[in-house]
Amino acid sequence: MMSEQIDSNMVRLIIPAYNEERTLKRNMETLAAILDAAGQEFTAVLVDDGSRDATWSVICELRRADARFNGVRFSRNFGKEAAVFAGVAEALRLGGAEWFAVLDSDLQHPPQCIPEMLALARESGADVVDGVKRSRGSEKGLYHACASLFYSGFKWFAGADLGRSSDFKLLSRRAALTLTSFKERDMFFRGICEWMGLRHVEYEFDVADRTGDTSRFSTGRLIRFACSAALSFSVKPLYFAFVAGALFLLGALLFLCFGLFLYALIAFTGGAILFVLGVLGAYIARMYSEVRGRPRYILERSVTDAE
């Protein structure tokens, strides 16, 4: 059996897309022009995360016009994290590349940075080049506040500071293979890259202006995402619930000793019980989701070199 031929100059791009029919073709043509001008060899895996518009048709059109673009389509919307992992798995399946770059389809992750990230990886011997933001760009209002709260909370829960981190990363083949070895259904890409412990180096970049529509990652989705990430990387909420329950119980005993505020005591104790049960329920629900063993995503169609 012949061994796989690896091109150390080739970078495979993993690009999730969701409802991007209006801008995807133009953005990918811009990306290709930038990398061609820089002399950077590349192929791309575009992952259609169950879009409701004509995103898949655009991907097929890109494939017909330029064979460097490959595409896979989910049967429904499974989320960006699933799309990233599907893209990495498909890029490995296609073979032939030593490096894998994850970036957004809206060009906020500047493709012109990829040759510099590749040079940095070779110079440092790192397996992960972590694109970190010099600033958080044009985020506004409640979203910015929620994002800041999430990263502060994640640092406390998991001990990892991801405040300036992003999904813009360059992965070695070793890192990509390690990433696809994880079996959890709910994965947090940035957190897993940090948790792996492989040698990584930071690369600062300026967030470019978004092309096309505004972000579809709403504040509500950010909150749900934050809860999922916290439960994935820490059991501190369980200990916090234990301490909070003990404090509530102590307060209840003090009220009981003084024979005061009977109704307040009942509400106080009931609230403590519900709080602890809520935290336990969140972990049990997560375990239930994992134990069922359902696939992280389901591919419906593909247009790739392997066909």
Protein backbone atom coordinates (compact mmCIF):
# COMPACT_ATOMS: atom_id res chain seq x y z
CA MET A 1 0.00 0.00 0.00
CA MET A 2 1.47 3.35 -1.07
CA SER A 3 1.95 5.98 1.59
CA GLU A 4 0.08 9.27 1.25
CA GLN A 5 1.97 12.03 -0.49
CA ILE A 6 2.01 15.16 1.68
CA ASP A 7 2.65 18.61 0.21
CA SER A 8 4.21 20.74 2.94
CA ASN A 9 3.38 23.94 1.02
CA MET A 10 -0.32 23.11 0.66
CA VAL A 11 -2.87 24.62 3.05
CA ARG A 12 -6.40 23.25 3.17
CA LEU A 13 -8.94 25.87 4.21
CA ILE A 14 -11.97 24.90 6.32
CA ILE A 15 -14.76 27.43 5.82
CA PRO A 16 -18.21 27.02 7.44
CA ALA A 17 -21.09 28.77 5.69
CA TYR A 18 -24.70 29.35 6.71
CA ASN A 19 -27.18 31.30 4.57
CA GLU A 20 -24.38 32.99 2.62
CA GLU A 21 -25.82 32.93 -0.91
CA ARG A 22 -25.52 36.69 -1.36
CA THR A 23 -21.83 37.04 -0.55
CA LEU A 24 -20.14 33.62 -0.63
CA LYS A 25 -19.16 33.58 -4.33
CA ARG A 26 -17.66 37.06 -4.23
CA ASN A 27 -15.84 36.38 -0.96
CA MET A 28 -14.32 33.11 -2.19
CA GLU A 29 -13.19 34.72 -5.45
CA THR A 30 -11.55 37.47 -3.39
CA LEU A 31 -9.91 34.88 -1.13
CA ALA A 32 -8.54 32.94 -4.12
CA ALA A 33 -7.19 36.12 -5.73
CA ILE A 34 -5.41 37.14 -2.51
CA LEU A 35 -3.76 33.76 -1.98
CA ASP A 36 -2.83 33.40 -5.65
CA ALA A 37 -1.17 36.83 -5.56
CA ALA A 38 0.78 35.71 -2.46
CA GLY A 39 1.87 32.49 -4.19
CA GLN A 40 0.17 30.36 -1.54
CA GLU A 41 -1.05 26.93 -2.65
CA PHE A 42 -4.46 26.08 -1.23
CA THR A 43 -7.60 24.04 -1.54
CA ALA A 44 -10.78 24.71 0.41
CA VAL A 45 -13.53 22.69 2.06
CA LEU A 46 -16.74 24.72 2.26
CA VAL A 47 -19.22 23.32 4.78
CA ASP A 48 -22.86 24.27 4.22
CA ASP A 49 -24.37 24.12 7.70
CA GLY A 50 -27.89 23.28 6.51
CA SER A 51 -28.54 26.67 4.92
CA ARG A 52 -32.13 27.57 4.06
CA ASP A 53 -31.14 29.64 1.03
CA ALA A 54 -29.13 28.80 -2.12
CA THR A 55 -25.73 28.58 -0.41
CA TRP A 56 -25.26 24.99 -1.61
CA SER A 57 -25.91 26.01 -5.21
CA VAL A 58 -23.25 28.70 -4.86
CA ILE A 59 -20.78 26.13 -3.52
CA CYS A 60 -21.49 23.84 -6.48
CA GLU A 61 -20.99 26.80 -8.84
CA LEU A 62 -17.66 27.60 -7.19
CA ARG A 63 -16.62 23.96 -7.57
CA ARG A 64 -17.43 23.95 -11.29
CA ALA A 65 -15.45 27.16 -11.83
CA ASP A 66 -12.44 26.25 -9.66
CA ALA A 67 -11.66 22.65 -8.66
CA ARG A 68 -9.74 23.87 -5.61
CA PHE A 69 -13.09 24.44 -3.90
CA ASN A 70 -14.67 21.34 -2.34
CA GLY A 71 -18.01 21.28 -0.57
CA VAL A 72 -20.05 19.22 1.86
CA ARG A 73 -23.62 19.90 2.97
CA PHE A 74 -25.31 19.02 6.26
CA SER A 75 -28.77 17.49 6.23
CA ARG A 76 -29.86 20.30 8.59
CA ASN A 77 -28.35 23.07 10.68
CA PHE A 78 -25.99 21.49 13.24
CA GLY A 79 -24.11 24.68 14.18
CA LYS A 80 -20.76 26.25 13.43
CA GLU A 81 -18.77 24.05 15.81
CA ALA A 82 -20.01 20.90 14.05
CA ALA A 83 -19.22 22.51 10.69
CA VAL A 84 -15.62 23.19 11.75
CA PHE A 85 -15.07 19.60 12.85
CA ALA A 86 -16.74 18.24 9.70
CA GLY A 87 -14.49 20.45 7.58
CA VAL A 88 -11.35 19.27 9.34
CA ALA A 89 -12.40 15.63 8.97
CA GLU A 90 -13.17 16.09 5.26
CA ALA A 91 -9.88 17.93 4.68
CA LEU A 92 -7.99 15.03 6.26
CA ARG A 93 -9.97 12.53 4.19
CA LEU A 94 -9.00 14.33 0.99
CA GLY A 95 -5.36 14.06 2.06
CA GLY A 96 -2.26 15.62 0.58
CA ALA A 97 -1.88 18.63 2.91
CA GLU A 98 0.35 19.31 5.89
CA TRP A 99 -1.50 22.39 7.15
CA PHE A 100 -5.16 23.23 7.77
CA ALA A 101 -6.57 26.71 8.30
CA VAL A 102 -9.99 27.44 9.80
CA LEU A 103 -11.53 30.79 8.89
CA ASP A 104 -14.91 32.48 8.47
CA SER A 105 -16.57 32.95 5.10
CA ASP A 106 -17.17 36.69 5.60
CA LEU A 107 -13.45 37.58 5.29
CA GLN A 108 -13.28 38.99 8.83
CA HIS A 109 -10.40 36.54 9.15
CA PRO A 110 -8.04 38.05 6.54
CA PRO A 111 -6.79 35.38 4.10
CA GLN A 112 -3.67 37.45 3.44
CA CYS A 113 -2.54 36.49 6.95
CA ILE A 114 -2.33 32.78 6.11
CA PRO A 115 1.18 32.84 4.52
CA GLU A 116 2.48 34.71 7.58
CA MET A 117 0.82 32.21 9.93
CA LEU A 118 2.39 29.36 7.97
CA ALA A 119 5.83 30.97 8.19
CA LEU A 120 5.36 31.50 11.93
CA ALA A 121 4.38 27.85 12.41
CA ARG A 122 7.48 26.63 10.61
CA GLU A 123 9.77 29.04 12.45
CA SER A 124 8.38 28.19 15.89
CA GLY A 125 7.69 24.49 15.37
CA ALA A 126 4.15 25.00 16.70
CA ASP A 127 1.22 22.72 15.89
CA VAL A 128 -1.38 25.45 16.38
CA VAL A 129 -1.14 29.08 15.30
CA ASP A 130 -3.86 30.87 17.22
CA GLY A 131 -5.21 33.97 15.54
CA VAL A 132 -5.76 36.53 18.31
CA LYS A 133 -7.56 39.83 17.81
CA ARG A 134 -5.80 43.11 18.46
CA SER A 135 -9.30 44.38 19.21
CA ARG A 136 -12.81 42.89 19.08
CA GLY A 137 -13.72 44.97 16.04
CA SER A 138 -17.12 46.64 15.70
CA GLU A 139 -19.10 44.60 18.24
CA LYS A 140 -21.84 46.68 19.80
CA GLY A 141 -23.92 47.00 22.94
CA LEU A 142 -25.36 43.92 24.59
CA TYR A 143 -23.46 41.47 22.37
CA HIS A 144 -20.10 42.95 23.37
CA ALA A 145 -21.07 42.89 27.06
CA CYS A 146 -22.23 39.26 26.84
CA ALA A 147 -19.07 38.25 24.98
CA SER A 148 -16.87 39.89 27.63
CA LEU A 149 -18.86 38.19 30.39
CA PHE A 150 -18.54 34.82 28.63
CA TYR A 151 -14.76 35.02 28.29
CA SER A 152 -14.34 36.18 31.89
CA GLY A 153 -16.54 33.34 33.09
CA PHE A 154 -14.77 30.78 30.90
CA LYS A 155 -11.41 31.87 32.30
CA TRP A 156 -12.74 31.29 35.82
CA PHE A 157 -14.44 27.99 34.98
CA ALA A 158 -11.80 26.39 32.75
CA GLY A 159 -8.62 28.34 33.57
CA ALA A 160 -8.08 29.36 29.92
CA ASP A 161 -8.03 32.97 28.76
CA LEU A 162 -9.77 33.08 25.37
CA GLY A 163 -10.65 36.76 25.49
CA ARG A 164 -8.78 37.64 22.29
CA SER A 165 -8.85 34.18 20.76
CA SER A 166 -10.83 33.39 17.62
CA ASP A 167 -11.73 30.50 15.35
CA PHE A 168 -9.04 31.76 12.94
CA LYS A 169 -6.40 29.06 13.41
CA LEU A 170 -3.72 27.23 11.49
CA LEU A 171 -3.39 23.57 12.48
CA SER A 172 -0.64 21.10 11.68
CA ARG A 173 -1.60 17.66 10.42
CA ARG A 174 -0.84 16.31 13.88
CA ALA A 175 -3.19 18.82 15.50
CA ALA A 176 -5.94 18.11 12.95
CA LEU A 177 -5.70 14.35 13.53
CA THR A 178 -5.80 14.88 17.30
CA LEU A 179 -8.83 17.14 16.93
CA THR A 180 -10.81 14.51 15.02
CA SER A 181 -10.04 11.85 17.63
CA PHE A 182 -12.42 13.46 20.15
CA LYS A 183 -15.78 11.69 20.37
CA GLU A 184 -17.92 14.22 22.25
CA ARG A 185 -20.99 15.43 20.40
CA ASP A 186 -20.90 19.00 21.75
CA MET A 187 -17.48 20.46 21.08
CA PHE A 188 -16.01 23.92 21.64
CA PHE A 189 -13.34 24.40 18.97
CA ARG A 190 -11.34 27.17 20.65
CA GLY A 191 -11.43 25.44 24.02
CA ILE A 192 -10.41 22.05 22.60
CA CYS A 193 -7.45 23.59 20.75
CA GLU A 194 -6.28 25.06 24.05
CA TRP A 195 -7.01 21.88 26.03
CA MET A 196 -5.00 19.62 23.66
CA GLY A 197 -1.81 21.09 25.05
CA LEU A 198 0.05 20.91 21.75
CA ARG A 199 2.62 23.61 21.20
CA HIS A 200 0.91 26.76 19.98
CA VAL A 201 1.89 30.30 19.18
CA GLU A 202 -0.19 33.47 18.89
CA TYR A 203 -0.56 35.53 15.75
CA GLU A 204 -2.14 38.98 16.11
CA PHE A 205 -4.47 40.22 13.41
CA ASP A 206 -6.92 43.04 12.87
CA VAL A 207 -10.51 41.95 12.40
CA ALA A 208 -11.58 43.03 8.93
CA ASP A 209 -14.96 44.59 8.20
CA ARG A 210 -17.67 42.01 7.63
CA THR A 211 -18.79 41.67 4.03
CA GLY A 212 -22.51 41.30 3.42
CA ASP A 213 -25.02 40.75 6.21
CA THR A 214 -24.47 41.33 9.91
CA SER A 215 -23.56 38.50 12.25
CA ARG A 216 -26.16 35.78 12.70
CA PHE A 217 -24.66 34.81 16.06
CA SER A 218 -27.28 36.46 18.26
CA THR A 219 -27.00 37.28 21.94
CA GLY A 220 -29.36 34.38 22.75
CA ARG A 221 -27.20 31.93 20.81
CA LEU A 222 -24.11 33.33 22.55
CA ILE A 223 -25.67 32.65 25.96
CA ARG A 224 -26.58 29.06 24.99
CA PHE A 225 -23.12 28.59 23.54
CA ALA A 226 -21.52 29.95 26.73
CA CYS A 227 -23.47 27.50 28.90
CA SER A 228 -22.48 24.59 26.68
CA ALA A 229 -18.80 25.60 26.71
CA ALA A 230 -18.76 25.99 30.51
CA LEU A 231 -20.31 22.55 31.03
CA SER A 232 -17.83 21.02 28.57
CA PHE A 233 -14.69 22.21 30.29
CA SER A 234 -15.38 22.45 34.00
CA VAL A 235 -17.16 20.83 36.93
CA LYS A 236 -16.86 24.02 38.97
CA PRO A 237 -20.60 24.76 38.61
CA LEU A 238 -21.27 21.57 40.60
CA TYR A 239 -18.98 22.70 43.42
CA PHE A 240 -20.46 26.18 43.24
CA ALA A 241 -23.94 24.67 43.61
CA PHE A 242 -22.73 22.67 46.62
CA VAL A 243 -21.29 25.76 48.32
CA ALA A 244 -24.37 27.84 47.47
CA GLY A 245 -26.65 25.11 48.83
CA ALA A 246 -24.62 24.96 52.05
CA LEU A 247 -24.85 28.73 52.46
CA PHE A 248 -28.60 28.67 51.85
CA LEU A 249 -28.95 25.89 54.41
CA LEU A 250 -26.90 27.85 56.94
CA GLY A 251 -29.09 30.89 56.38
CA ALA A 252 -32.19 28.75 56.83
CA LEU A 253 -30.86 27.40 60.12
CA LEU A 254 -30.17 30.93 61.37
CA PHE A 255 -33.70 31.97 60.51
CA LEU A 256 -34.99 28.85 62.25
CA CYS A 257 -32.99 29.57 65.40
CA PHE A 258 -34.50 33.02 65.69
CA GLY A 259 -37.96 31.89 64.66
CA LEU A 260 -38.24 34.71 62.17
CA PHE A 261 -39.51 35.13 58.65
CA LEU A 262 -41.14 31.73 58.24
CA TYR A 263 -42.37 32.42 54.77
CA ALA A 264 -39.01 33.85 53.74
CA LEU A 265 -37.39 30.70 55.08
CA ILE A 266 -39.60 28.48 52.92
CA ALA A 267 -38.90 30.51 49.81
CA PHE A 268 -35.20 30.71 50.65
CA THR A 269 -34.82 26.96 51.10
CA GLY A 270 -36.96 26.18 48.05
CA GLY A 271 -34.86 28.49 45.92
CA ALA A 272 -31.66 26.81 47.08
CA ILE A 273 -33.01 23.37 46.21
CA LEU A 274 -34.17 24.47 42.78
CA PHE A 275 -30.83 26.14 42.09
CA VAL A 276 -28.83 23.00 42.91
CA LEU A 277 -31.23 20.78 40.99
CA GLY A 278 -30.93 23.10 38.00
CA VAL A 279 -27.15 22.78 37.91
CA LEU A 280 -27.35 19.00 38.31
CA GLY A 281 -30.00 18.86 35.60
CA ALA A 282 -27.77 20.71 33.16
CA TYR A 283 -24.98 18.17 33.63
CA ILE A 284 -27.38 15.23 33.46
CA ALA A 285 -28.87 16.59 30.23
CA ARG A 286 -25.40 16.86 28.76
CA MET A 287 -24.53 13.32 29.80
CA TYR A 288 -27.82 12.10 28.29
CA SER A 289 -26.94 13.80 25.02
CA GLU A 290 -23.52 12.14 24.95
CA VAL A 291 -24.71 8.68 26.04
CA ARG A 292 -27.22 8.52 23.19
CA GLY A 293 -24.23 8.47 20.85
CA ARG A 294 -25.89 10.33 18.00
CA PRO A 295 -23.55 11.61 15.28
CA ARG A 296 -22.16 15.10 15.61
CA TYR A 297 -23.52 15.90 12.14
CA ILE A 298 -25.01 14.18 9.09
CA LEU A 299 -23.68 14.86 5.59
CA GLU A 300 -26.32 15.04 2.89
CA ARG A 301 -24.23 15.86 -0.21
CA SER A 302 -20.65 16.53 -1.23
CA VAL A 303 -18.64 17.82 -4.19
CA THR A 304 -15.01 16.96 -3.55
CA ASP A 305 -11.81 15.70 -5.16
CA ALA A 306 -12.49 12.28 -3.66
CA GLU A 307 -15.55 11.71 -5.86
